[in-house]
Amino acid sequence: MKYVKNFYRDHLNMLRIKLMDDVQLFSDFIEDVSTEEEIDEYIVEIDKVLNGIYEDFEIHLNATGVIIRKDVTIVEHFFSNSEENGDKMETKEFKSLLLLWKTKLPKRFL
């Protein structure tokens, strides 16, 4: 994975993902995805964008949302105090990140 630094456990022993600084807001989105079924639904929609069926697709979660376009996916943090409340990532990389997170979900809570 191009953007993943590592996985770690926080003070509550929950598995978290650390991404490179220029795409760190994607970790907030990824960590809000809690089931394999949810990821599967998102992958179907991403594939529709990548295959040109949709021009774009939006997903809004608790504190973040993404706009998925064929070449780039943009994440926005709704409650950020920073002027920089959005990051960009190649859509294929975003899809790969979701698929990687899917493999980690069974180990997320101990």
N, C-alpha and C. Protein backbone atom coordinates (compact mmCIF):
# COMPACT_ATOMS: atom_id res chain seq x y z
N MET A 1 0.84 -1.19 0.00
CA MET A 1 0.00 0.00 0.00
C MET A 1 0.88 1.24 0.00
N LYS A 2 0.51 2.13 -0.81
CA LYS A 2 1.26 3.36 -1.02
C LYS A 2 1.21 4.30 0.18
N TYR A 3 0.10 4.36 0.88
CA TYR A 3 -0.10 5.38 1.91
C TYR A 3 -0.07 4.87 3.35
N VAL A 4 -0.09 3.56 3.56
CA VAL A 4 -0.18 3.02 4.92
C VAL A 4 1.18 3.06 5.60
N LYS A 5 1.21 3.66 6.77
CA LYS A 5 2.43 3.63 7.58
C LYS A 5 2.42 2.38 8.46
N ASN A 6 1.33 2.20 9.20
CA ASN A 6 1.23 1.02 10.06
C ASN A 6 -0.17 0.91 10.66
N PHE A 7 -0.38 -0.18 11.35
CA PHE A 7 -1.57 -0.39 12.16
C PHE A 7 -1.10 -0.41 13.61
N TYR A 8 -1.92 0.11 14.49
CA TYR A 8 -1.54 0.15 15.90
C TYR A 8 -2.79 0.03 16.76
N ARG A 9 -2.59 -0.24 18.03
CA ARG A 9 -3.69 -0.29 18.99
C ARG A 9 -3.66 0.95 19.85
N ASP A 10 -4.83 1.58 20.01
CA ASP A 10 -4.90 2.78 20.83
C ASP A 10 -5.02 2.41 22.30
N HIS A 11 -5.25 3.39 23.15
CA HIS A 11 -5.32 3.17 24.60
C HIS A 11 -6.49 2.28 25.02
N LEU A 12 -7.47 2.10 24.14
CA LEU A 12 -8.60 1.20 24.40
C LEU A 12 -8.39 -0.16 23.74
N ASN A 13 -7.20 -0.37 23.20
CA ASN A 13 -6.81 -1.62 22.53
C ASN A 13 -7.59 -1.87 21.24
N MET A 14 -8.08 -0.80 20.62
CA MET A 14 -8.78 -0.91 19.35
C MET A 14 -7.78 -0.69 18.22
N LEU A 15 -7.88 -1.51 17.19
CA LEU A 15 -6.98 -1.40 16.05
C LEU A 15 -7.27 -0.13 15.27
N ARG A 16 -6.21 0.60 14.96
CA ARG A 16 -6.31 1.86 14.22
C ARG A 16 -5.34 1.79 13.05
N ILE A 17 -5.50 2.71 12.10
CA ILE A 17 -4.63 2.78 10.94
C ILE A 17 -3.93 4.13 10.90
N LYS A 18 -2.63 4.10 10.68
CA LYS A 18 -1.85 5.33 10.55
C LYS A 18 -1.46 5.47 9.09
N LEU A 19 -1.90 6.58 8.49
CA LEU A 19 -1.59 6.86 7.09
C LEU A 19 -0.56 7.99 7.01
N MET A 20 -0.01 8.16 5.83
CA MET A 20 0.92 9.27 5.61
C MET A 20 0.20 10.59 5.87
N ASP A 21 0.95 11.60 6.27
CA ASP A 21 0.38 12.88 6.67
C ASP A 21 -0.50 13.52 5.61
N ASP A 22 -0.14 13.40 4.33
CA ASP A 22 -0.89 14.09 3.29
C ASP A 22 -2.24 13.45 2.99
N VAL A 23 -2.52 12.28 3.57
CA VAL A 23 -3.83 11.62 3.40
C VAL A 23 -4.40 11.15 4.73
N GLN A 24 -3.91 11.70 5.82
CA GLN A 24 -4.27 11.23 7.17
C GLN A 24 -5.78 11.27 7.44
N LEU A 25 -6.50 12.22 6.85
CA LEU A 25 -7.94 12.30 7.11
C LEU A 25 -8.69 11.06 6.62
N PHE A 26 -8.11 10.33 5.68
CA PHE A 26 -8.75 9.10 5.22
C PHE A 26 -8.82 8.07 6.34
N SER A 27 -7.91 8.12 7.31
CA SER A 27 -7.97 7.17 8.42
C SER A 27 -9.26 7.36 9.23
N ASP A 28 -9.70 8.61 9.39
CA ASP A 28 -10.95 8.87 10.12
C ASP A 28 -12.13 8.22 9.40
N PHE A 29 -12.14 8.32 8.08
CA PHE A 29 -13.21 7.69 7.31
C PHE A 29 -13.12 6.18 7.41
N ILE A 30 -11.95 5.62 7.17
CA ILE A 30 -11.76 4.17 7.18
C ILE A 30 -12.16 3.58 8.52
N GLU A 31 -11.75 4.20 9.59
CA GLU A 31 -12.03 3.66 10.93
C GLU A 31 -13.51 3.71 11.29
N ASP A 32 -14.29 4.53 10.59
CA ASP A 32 -15.74 4.56 10.81
C ASP A 32 -16.46 3.41 10.11
N VAL A 33 -15.79 2.76 9.19
CA VAL A 33 -16.39 1.62 8.48
C VAL A 33 -16.22 0.40 9.37
N SER A 34 -17.34 -0.19 9.80
CA SER A 34 -17.26 -1.19 10.87
C SER A 34 -17.62 -2.61 10.47
N THR A 35 -18.12 -2.82 9.26
CA THR A 35 -18.48 -4.19 8.87
C THR A 35 -17.95 -4.52 7.48
N GLU A 36 -17.72 -5.80 7.25
CA GLU A 36 -17.30 -6.27 5.94
C GLU A 36 -18.40 -6.01 4.91
N GLU A 37 -19.65 -6.12 5.31
CA GLU A 37 -20.76 -5.88 4.40
C GLU A 37 -20.78 -4.44 3.92
N GLU A 38 -20.50 -3.53 4.83
CA GLU A 38 -20.45 -2.11 4.48
C GLU A 38 -19.33 -1.86 3.45
N ILE A 39 -18.18 -2.45 3.68
CA ILE A 39 -17.07 -2.31 2.73
C ILE A 39 -17.47 -2.88 1.38
N ASP A 40 -18.09 -4.06 1.39
CA ASP A 40 -18.52 -4.67 0.12
C ASP A 40 -19.45 -3.75 -0.65
N GLU A 41 -20.38 -3.09 0.04
CA GLU A 41 -21.29 -2.15 -0.62
C GLU A 41 -20.51 -0.99 -1.23
N TYR A 42 -19.55 -0.46 -0.51
CA TYR A 42 -18.75 0.66 -1.02
C TYR A 42 -17.91 0.24 -2.22
N ILE A 43 -17.37 -0.97 -2.18
CA ILE A 43 -16.55 -1.46 -3.30
C ILE A 43 -17.38 -1.55 -4.58
N VAL A 44 -18.63 -2.01 -4.46
CA VAL A 44 -19.52 -2.08 -5.62
C VAL A 44 -19.70 -0.69 -6.22
N GLU A 45 -19.91 0.31 -5.38
CA GLU A 45 -20.12 1.68 -5.87
C GLU A 45 -18.82 2.26 -6.45
N ILE A 46 -17.70 1.98 -5.83
CA ILE A 46 -16.41 2.44 -6.37
C ILE A 46 -16.18 1.84 -7.75
N ASP A 47 -16.46 0.55 -7.89
CA ASP A 47 -16.29 -0.10 -9.19
C ASP A 47 -17.19 0.53 -10.26
N LYS A 48 -18.38 0.94 -9.88
CA LYS A 48 -19.27 1.61 -10.83
C LYS A 48 -18.68 2.94 -11.30
N VAL A 49 -18.02 3.65 -10.39
CA VAL A 49 -17.35 4.90 -10.78
C VAL A 49 -16.15 4.58 -11.67
N LEU A 50 -15.34 3.61 -11.27
CA LEU A 50 -14.15 3.26 -12.05
C LEU A 50 -14.50 2.76 -13.44
N ASN A 51 -15.65 2.11 -13.57
CA ASN A 51 -16.09 1.58 -14.86
C ASN A 51 -16.92 2.57 -15.68
N GLY A 52 -17.10 3.78 -15.16
CA GLY A 52 -17.79 4.82 -15.91
C GLY A 52 -19.31 4.76 -15.84
N ILE A 53 -19.86 3.91 -14.99
CA ILE A 53 -21.32 3.84 -14.84
C ILE A 53 -21.82 5.09 -14.11
N TYR A 54 -21.09 5.51 -13.08
CA TYR A 54 -21.37 6.75 -12.37
C TYR A 54 -20.23 7.73 -12.65
N GLU A 55 -20.56 9.01 -12.69
CA GLU A 55 -19.52 10.03 -12.79
C GLU A 55 -18.81 10.19 -11.45
N ASP A 56 -19.60 10.13 -10.37
CA ASP A 56 -19.04 10.17 -9.02
C ASP A 56 -20.03 9.55 -8.06
N PHE A 57 -19.58 9.34 -6.84
CA PHE A 57 -20.43 8.76 -5.80
C PHE A 57 -19.98 9.33 -4.46
N GLU A 58 -20.94 9.68 -3.61
CA GLU A 58 -20.62 10.26 -2.30
C GLU A 58 -21.05 9.32 -1.19
N ILE A 59 -20.23 9.25 -0.16
CA ILE A 59 -20.54 8.49 1.06
C ILE A 59 -20.30 9.42 2.23
N HIS A 60 -21.29 9.55 3.12
CA HIS A 60 -21.16 10.38 4.31
C HIS A 60 -21.29 9.51 5.54
N LEU A 61 -20.30 9.59 6.41
CA LEU A 61 -20.32 8.84 7.67
C LEU A 61 -20.43 9.83 8.82
N ASN A 62 -20.07 9.42 10.03
CA ASN A 62 -20.26 10.25 11.22
C ASN A 62 -19.59 11.62 11.12
N ALA A 63 -18.30 11.64 10.90
CA ALA A 63 -17.56 12.90 10.91
C ALA A 63 -16.90 13.21 9.58
N THR A 64 -16.96 12.27 8.66
CA THR A 64 -16.28 12.44 7.38
C THR A 64 -17.16 11.99 6.23
N GLY A 65 -16.78 12.42 5.05
CA GLY A 65 -17.45 11.98 3.84
C GLY A 65 -16.44 11.91 2.72
N VAL A 66 -16.74 11.13 1.70
CA VAL A 66 -15.87 11.05 0.53
C VAL A 66 -16.66 11.30 -0.73
N ILE A 67 -15.99 11.90 -1.69
CA ILE A 67 -16.51 12.03 -3.05
C ILE A 67 -15.59 11.19 -3.91
N ILE A 68 -16.15 10.15 -4.49
CA ILE A 68 -15.37 9.22 -5.28
C ILE A 68 -15.54 9.58 -6.75
N ARG A 69 -14.44 9.87 -7.40
CA ARG A 69 -14.42 10.12 -8.84
C ARG A 69 -13.48 9.10 -9.47
N LYS A 70 -13.51 9.00 -10.79
CA LYS A 70 -12.74 7.95 -11.46
C LYS A 70 -11.26 7.99 -11.10
N ASP A 71 -10.66 9.15 -11.10
CA ASP A 71 -9.22 9.25 -10.86
C ASP A 71 -8.85 9.56 -9.42
N VAL A 72 -9.70 10.30 -8.73
CA VAL A 72 -9.35 10.76 -7.39
C VAL A 72 -10.55 10.68 -6.46
N THR A 73 -10.26 10.37 -5.20
CA THR A 73 -11.27 10.40 -4.15
C THR A 73 -10.87 11.48 -3.15
N ILE A 74 -11.84 12.27 -2.75
CA ILE A 74 -11.60 13.39 -1.84
C ILE A 74 -12.35 13.11 -0.54
N VAL A 75 -11.63 13.21 0.57
CA VAL A 75 -12.25 13.06 1.88
C VAL A 75 -12.38 14.44 2.51
N GLU A 76 -13.48 14.64 3.22
CA GLU A 76 -13.70 15.88 3.94
C GLU A 76 -14.07 15.55 5.37
N HIS A 77 -13.44 16.25 6.30
CA HIS A 77 -13.77 16.10 7.72
C HIS A 77 -14.74 17.22 8.08
N PHE A 78 -15.95 16.84 8.52
CA PHE A 78 -17.01 17.83 8.76
C PHE A 78 -16.78 18.71 9.98
N PHE A 79 -16.00 18.23 10.96
CA PHE A 79 -15.87 18.95 12.23
C PHE A 79 -14.43 19.37 12.52
N SER A 80 -13.62 19.52 11.50
CA SER A 80 -12.23 19.89 11.69
C SER A 80 -12.11 21.37 12.04
N ASN A 81 -11.21 21.67 12.97
CA ASN A 81 -10.93 23.07 13.32
C ASN A 81 -9.88 23.67 12.40
N SER A 82 -9.25 22.82 11.61
CA SER A 82 -8.20 23.26 10.71
C SER A 82 -8.79 23.79 9.41
N GLU A 83 -8.06 24.70 8.79
CA GLU A 83 -8.48 25.18 7.47
C GLU A 83 -8.38 24.06 6.44
N GLU A 84 -7.46 23.15 6.66
CA GLU A 84 -7.28 22.01 5.76
C GLU A 84 -8.12 20.85 6.27
N ASN A 85 -9.35 20.77 5.81
CA ASN A 85 -10.25 19.72 6.28
C ASN A 85 -10.52 18.67 5.21
N GLY A 86 -9.62 18.58 4.22
CA GLY A 86 -9.81 17.60 3.16
C GLY A 86 -8.49 17.09 2.64
N ASP A 87 -8.49 15.85 2.15
CA ASP A 87 -7.33 15.23 1.53
C ASP A 87 -7.77 14.53 0.25
N LYS A 88 -6.80 14.24 -0.62
CA LYS A 88 -7.09 13.56 -1.88
C LYS A 88 -6.23 12.30 -1.99
N MET A 89 -6.78 11.30 -2.68
CA MET A 89 -6.07 10.05 -2.91
C MET A 89 -6.58 9.46 -4.22
N GLU A 90 -5.72 8.74 -4.93
CA GLU A 90 -6.16 8.06 -6.14
C GLU A 90 -7.27 7.07 -5.77
N THR A 91 -8.31 6.99 -6.58
CA THR A 91 -9.46 6.14 -6.27
C THR A 91 -9.06 4.67 -6.18
N LYS A 92 -8.18 4.22 -7.02
CA LYS A 92 -7.73 2.82 -6.94
C LYS A 92 -7.02 2.55 -5.62
N GLU A 93 -6.27 3.52 -5.13
CA GLU A 93 -5.61 3.37 -3.83
C GLU A 93 -6.64 3.36 -2.70
N PHE A 94 -7.65 4.20 -2.83
CA PHE A 94 -8.72 4.22 -1.83
C PHE A 94 -9.43 2.87 -1.77
N LYS A 95 -9.72 2.31 -2.92
CA LYS A 95 -10.34 0.99 -2.98
C LYS A 95 -9.44 -0.05 -2.31
N SER A 96 -8.16 -0.02 -2.62
CA SER A 96 -7.21 -0.97 -2.00
C SER A 96 -7.16 -0.80 -0.49
N LEU A 97 -7.24 0.44 -0.03
CA LEU A 97 -7.23 0.71 1.40
C LEU A 97 -8.46 0.12 2.08
N LEU A 98 -9.62 0.28 1.45
CA LEU A 98 -10.84 -0.33 2.00
C LEU A 98 -10.73 -1.86 2.06
N LEU A 99 -10.18 -2.45 1.01
CA LEU A 99 -10.03 -3.91 0.99
C LEU A 99 -9.04 -4.39 2.05
N LEU A 100 -7.99 -3.61 2.28
CA LEU A 100 -7.05 -3.94 3.35
C LEU A 100 -7.73 -3.85 4.71
N TRP A 101 -8.51 -2.79 4.92
CA TRP A 101 -9.23 -2.61 6.18
C TRP A 101 -10.20 -3.78 6.41
N LYS A 102 -10.79 -4.27 5.35
CA LYS A 102 -11.71 -5.41 5.46
C LYS A 102 -11.00 -6.62 6.06
N THR A 103 -9.75 -6.82 5.71
CA THR A 103 -9.00 -7.97 6.27
C THR A 103 -8.68 -7.76 7.74
N LYS A 104 -8.65 -6.51 8.19
CA LYS A 104 -8.31 -6.19 9.59
C LYS A 104 -9.51 -6.17 10.50
N LEU A 105 -10.71 -6.04 9.97
CA LEU A 105 -11.91 -5.90 10.80
C LEU A 105 -12.09 -7.02 11.82
N PRO A 106 -11.85 -8.28 11.48
CA PRO A 106 -12.02 -9.33 12.50
C PRO A 106 -11.08 -9.18 13.69
N LYS A 107 -9.97 -8.46 13.52
CA LYS A 107 -8.99 -8.27 14.59
C LYS A 107 -9.10 -6.90 15.26
N ARG A 108 -10.10 -6.14 14.87
CA ARG A 108 -10.17 -4.76 15.33
C ARG A 108 -10.35 -4.65 16.84
N PHE A 109 -11.20 -5.47 17.39
CA PHE A 109 -11.45 -5.44 18.84
C PHE A 109 -10.92 -6.72 19.47
N LEU A 110 -10.26 -6.60 20.59
CA LEU A 110 -9.77 -7.78 21.32
C LEU A 110 -10.52 -7.98 22.59
